[in-house]
């Protein structure tokens, strides 16, 4: 089992920044990929960014250049630095961690970009 706890969401004005953190506990040695999805009201959940244990990263086109994902060498934390935030970035952001044959999810953290 892997437990994930997110933090760092909140309300920010357009153009502002937030940093999301996700802490993993449990069988973290099995984790090979972590990342962030988001889901806005009435929309499907979409991948925002992911990072492998080899530090390969992947980004949603609309956030590339504005968001940066990073992880700890201990494989127990992943961060999402979000800059130049836009109202369309408003969503619940979910951390995920992948182990062989299973994906774990955090409870989600709300990010609201509004003036």
Protein backbone atom coordinates (compact mmCIF):
# COMPACT_ATOMS: atom_id res chain seq x y z
CA UNK A 1 0.00 0.00 0.00
CA UNK A 2 1.04 3.58 -0.68
CA UNK A 3 -0.57 6.56 1.01
CA UNK A 4 -0.38 10.01 -0.60
CA UNK A 5 -1.03 13.36 1.06
CA UNK A 6 -1.12 16.59 -0.95
CA UNK A 7 -0.68 20.15 0.27
CA UNK A 8 -0.15 23.62 -1.13
CA UNK A 9 -3.38 24.41 -2.91
CA UNK A 10 -5.29 27.63 -2.44
CA UNK A 11 -6.56 30.81 -4.03
CA UNK A 12 -4.20 32.87 -6.16
CA UNK A 13 -4.59 35.75 -8.58
CA UNK A 14 -3.92 35.32 -12.30
CA UNK A 15 -0.18 35.49 -12.94
CA UNK A 16 0.61 34.22 -9.45
CA UNK A 17 2.40 31.09 -8.29
CA UNK A 18 1.70 28.09 -6.11
CA UNK A 19 3.74 25.07 -5.16
CA UNK A 20 2.01 21.76 -4.59
CA UNK A 21 3.63 19.02 -2.52
CA UNK A 22 2.80 15.34 -2.29
CA UNK A 23 4.22 13.04 0.36
CA UNK A 24 4.15 9.28 -0.10
CA UNK A 25 4.27 6.75 2.72
CA UNK A 26 4.18 2.98 2.86
CA UNK A 27 5.76 0.80 0.14
CA UNK A 28 7.54 3.70 -1.53
CA UNK A 29 10.41 1.52 -2.73
CA UNK A 30 8.05 0.12 -5.40
CA UNK A 31 7.18 3.53 -6.86
CA UNK A 32 8.49 4.07 -10.39
CA UNK A 33 6.43 7.07 -11.49
CA UNK A 34 4.67 9.96 -9.74
CA UNK A 35 2.75 12.90 -11.01
CA UNK A 36 -0.20 15.24 -10.92
CA UNK A 37 -3.60 15.14 -12.58
CA UNK A 38 -6.28 17.78 -12.36
CA UNK A 39 -10.03 17.84 -12.77
CA UNK A 40 -12.12 20.94 -13.34
CA UNK A 41 -15.89 20.94 -12.83
CA UNK A 42 -17.64 19.21 -15.71
CA UNK A 43 -14.37 18.08 -17.29
CA UNK A 44 -12.40 14.86 -17.41
CA UNK A 45 -9.38 14.33 -15.25
CA UNK A 46 -6.22 15.15 -17.21
CA UNK A 47 -2.53 14.53 -16.71
CA UNK A 48 -0.69 17.73 -15.81
CA UNK A 49 2.83 16.42 -15.28
CA UNK A 50 4.67 13.26 -14.32
CA UNK A 51 8.18 12.23 -13.38
CA UNK A 52 9.84 8.83 -13.32
CA UNK A 53 12.48 7.58 -10.91
CA UNK A 54 14.93 8.22 -13.74
CA UNK A 55 13.80 11.88 -13.75
CA UNK A 56 12.10 11.71 -17.13
CA UNK A 57 9.29 14.25 -17.19
CA UNK A 58 6.11 14.71 -19.17
CA UNK A 59 3.85 17.78 -19.30
CA UNK A 60 0.44 18.76 -20.55
CA UNK A 61 1.02 21.10 -23.50
CA UNK A 62 -0.91 23.95 -21.91
CA UNK A 63 1.30 24.02 -18.80
CA UNK A 64 4.70 23.38 -20.39
CA UNK A 65 7.01 26.29 -19.61
CA UNK A 66 4.85 27.43 -16.69
CA UNK A 67 4.81 24.37 -14.44
CA UNK A 68 7.78 22.35 -13.23
CA UNK A 69 7.59 18.92 -11.64
CA UNK A 70 10.35 17.62 -9.40
CA UNK A 71 10.84 14.74 -7.03
CA UNK A 72 12.99 13.64 -4.14
CA UNK A 73 15.71 10.99 -4.52
CA UNK A 74 14.04 9.08 -1.74
CA UNK A 75 10.98 8.66 -4.01
CA UNK A 76 8.71 9.80 -1.25
CA UNK A 77 7.88 13.33 -2.39
CA UNK A 78 6.87 15.06 -5.60
CA UNK A 79 6.40 18.77 -6.15
CA UNK A 80 4.62 20.87 -8.74
CA UNK A 81 5.78 24.45 -9.06
CA UNK A 82 3.08 26.42 -10.87
CA UNK A 83 3.94 29.85 -12.23
CA UNK A 84 2.02 32.31 -14.38
CA UNK A 85 -1.23 30.74 -13.29
CA UNK A 86 -4.34 31.29 -15.39
CA UNK A 87 -8.03 31.01 -14.52
CA UNK A 88 -8.21 27.90 -16.68
CA UNK A 89 -5.76 26.20 -14.31
CA UNK A 90 -8.51 26.17 -11.68
CA UNK A 91 -9.19 22.56 -10.69
CA UNK A 92 -8.73 19.94 -8.03
CA UNK A 93 -5.19 18.63 -8.35
CA UNK A 94 -4.52 14.99 -7.54
CA UNK A 95 -1.17 13.39 -6.85
CA UNK A 96 -0.62 9.85 -8.09
CA UNK A 97 2.05 7.20 -7.58
CA UNK A 98 2.54 4.14 -9.75
CA UNK A 99 3.80 0.77 -8.59
CA UNK A 100 3.70 -2.41 -10.70
CA UNK A 101 0.04 -3.09 -11.69
CA UNK A 102 -1.46 -0.39 -9.46
CA UNK A 103 -1.88 3.38 -9.28
CA UNK A 104 -2.48 5.17 -6.01
CA UNK A 105 -4.20 8.55 -5.63
CA UNK A 106 -4.16 11.33 -3.10
CA UNK A 107 -7.30 13.02 -1.84
CA UNK A 108 -6.84 16.11 -4.00
CA UNK A 109 -6.14 19.76 -3.31
CA UNK A 110 -8.12 22.68 -4.70
CA UNK A 111 -6.35 25.31 -6.80
CA UNK A 112 -8.40 28.39 -7.66
CA UNK A 113 -7.03 31.12 -9.91
CA UNK A 114 -9.22 34.19 -9.74
CA UNK A 115 -9.03 37.93 -9.26
